[in-house]
Amino acid sequence: MPIIVDEVVISVEVGNREAGGDGAAPAGAPPVADKQALVEECVSRVLEILRERQEP
């Protein structure tokens, strides 16, 4: 029986102060805007791969 994925939800928490993080980016880390662009690109590629798998 095949498994059909209708929706993929990815959530990320950056700088969790409650877990002991200070919320500041480490030295040499890309700015938040660059991180957001990277996450968006990754999600886009994953969704593209999933769509290709669904095509007959």
C-alpha atoms as a PDB file:
ATOM      1  CA  MET A   1       0.000   0.000   0.000  1.00  0.00           C
ATOM      2  CA  PRO A   2       1.598   3.305  -1.060  1.00  0.00           C
ATOM      3  CA  ILE A   3       1.915   6.212   1.328  1.00  0.00           C
ATOM      4  CA  ILE A   4       0.767   9.596   0.031  1.00  0.00           C
ATOM      5  CA  VAL A   5       2.212  12.758   1.579  1.00  0.00           C
ATOM      6  CA  ASP A   6      -0.225  15.655   1.172  1.00  0.00           C
ATOM      7  CA  GLU A   7       1.689  18.250   3.150  1.00  0.00           C
ATOM      8  CA  VAL A   8       5.104  18.615   4.749  1.00  0.00           C
ATOM      9  CA  VAL A   9       5.534  20.992   7.678  1.00  0.00           C
ATOM     10  CA  ILE A  10       9.021  21.912   8.846  1.00  0.00           C
ATOM     11  CA  SER A  11       9.544  24.118  11.873  1.00  0.00           C
ATOM     12  CA  VAL A  12      12.808  25.358  13.314  1.00  0.00           C
ATOM     13  CA  GLU A  13      13.529  27.178  16.553  1.00  0.00           C
ATOM     14  CA  VAL A  14      16.673  29.307  16.557  1.00  0.00           C
ATOM     15  CA  GLY A  15      18.226  30.764  19.703  1.00  0.00           C
ATOM     16  CA  ASN A  16      16.257  28.955  22.399  1.00  0.00           C
ATOM     17  CA  ARG A  17      17.146  30.872  25.550  1.00  0.00           C
ATOM     18  CA  GLU A  18      15.247  28.433  27.782  1.00  0.00           C
ATOM     19  CA  ALA A  19      17.539  25.608  26.665  1.00  0.00           C
ATOM     20  CA  GLY A  20      20.634  27.573  27.647  1.00  0.00           C
ATOM     21  CA  GLY A  21      21.258  29.383  24.363  1.00  0.00           C
ATOM     22  CA  ASP A  22      21.927  33.096  24.474  1.00  0.00           C
ATOM     23  CA  GLY A  23      20.040  33.822  21.252  1.00  0.00           C
ATOM     24  CA  ALA A  24      23.093  35.428  19.655  1.00  0.00           C
ATOM     25  CA  ALA A  25      24.463  34.055  16.420  1.00  0.00           C
ATOM     26  CA  PRO A  26      27.880  32.401  16.728  1.00  0.00           C
ATOM     27  CA  ALA A  27      30.864  34.177  15.216  1.00  0.00           C
ATOM     28  CA  GLY A  28      31.035  33.621  11.480  1.00  0.00           C
ATOM     29  CA  ALA A  29      27.380  32.532  11.252  1.00  0.00           C
ATOM     30  CA  PRO A  30      25.379  33.865   8.316  1.00  0.00           C
ATOM     31  CA  PRO A  31      22.814  36.597   9.042  1.00  0.00           C
ATOM     32  CA  VAL A  32      19.256  35.530   9.833  1.00  0.00           C
ATOM     33  CA  ALA A  33      18.057  36.586   6.341  1.00  0.00           C
ATOM     34  CA  ASP A  34      20.604  34.208   4.769  1.00  0.00           C
ATOM     35  CA  LYS A  35      19.454  31.400   7.071  1.00  0.00           C
ATOM     36  CA  GLN A  36      15.842  32.036   6.068  1.00  0.00           C
ATOM     37  CA  ALA A  37      16.768  31.927   2.388  1.00  0.00           C
ATOM     38  CA  LEU A  38      18.648  28.657   2.941  1.00  0.00           C
ATOM     39  CA  VAL A  39      15.682  27.075   4.754  1.00  0.00           C
ATOM     40  CA  GLU A  40      13.306  28.224   1.997  1.00  0.00           C
ATOM     41  CA  GLU A  41      15.575  26.722  -0.681  1.00  0.00           C
ATOM     42  CA  CYS A  42      15.771  23.397   1.195  1.00  0.00           C
ATOM     43  CA  VAL A  43      12.003  23.236   1.615  1.00  0.00           C
ATOM     44  CA  SER A  44      11.516  24.093  -2.047  1.00  0.00           C
ATOM     45  CA  ARG A  45      13.818  21.278  -3.154  1.00  0.00           C
ATOM     46  CA  VAL A  46      12.182  18.735  -0.841  1.00  0.00           C
ATOM     47  CA  LEU A  47       8.728  19.642  -2.155  1.00  0.00           C
ATOM     48  CA  GLU A  48       9.991  19.386  -5.739  1.00  0.00           C
ATOM     49  CA  ILE A  49      11.355  15.886  -5.075  1.00  0.00           C
ATOM     50  CA  LEU A  50       8.060  14.839  -3.476  1.00  0.00           C
ATOM     51  CA  ARG A  51       6.080  16.154  -6.487  1.00  0.00           C
ATOM     52  CA  GLU A  52       8.354  14.227  -8.875  1.00  0.00           C
ATOM     53  CA  ARG A  53       7.735  11.021  -6.923  1.00  0.00           C
ATOM     54  CA  GLN A  54       3.966  11.496  -7.177  1.00  0.00           C
ATOM     55  CA  GLU A  55       3.991  11.851 -10.973  1.00  0.00           C
ATOM     56  CA  PRO A  56       3.257   8.596 -12.829  1.00  0.00           C
END
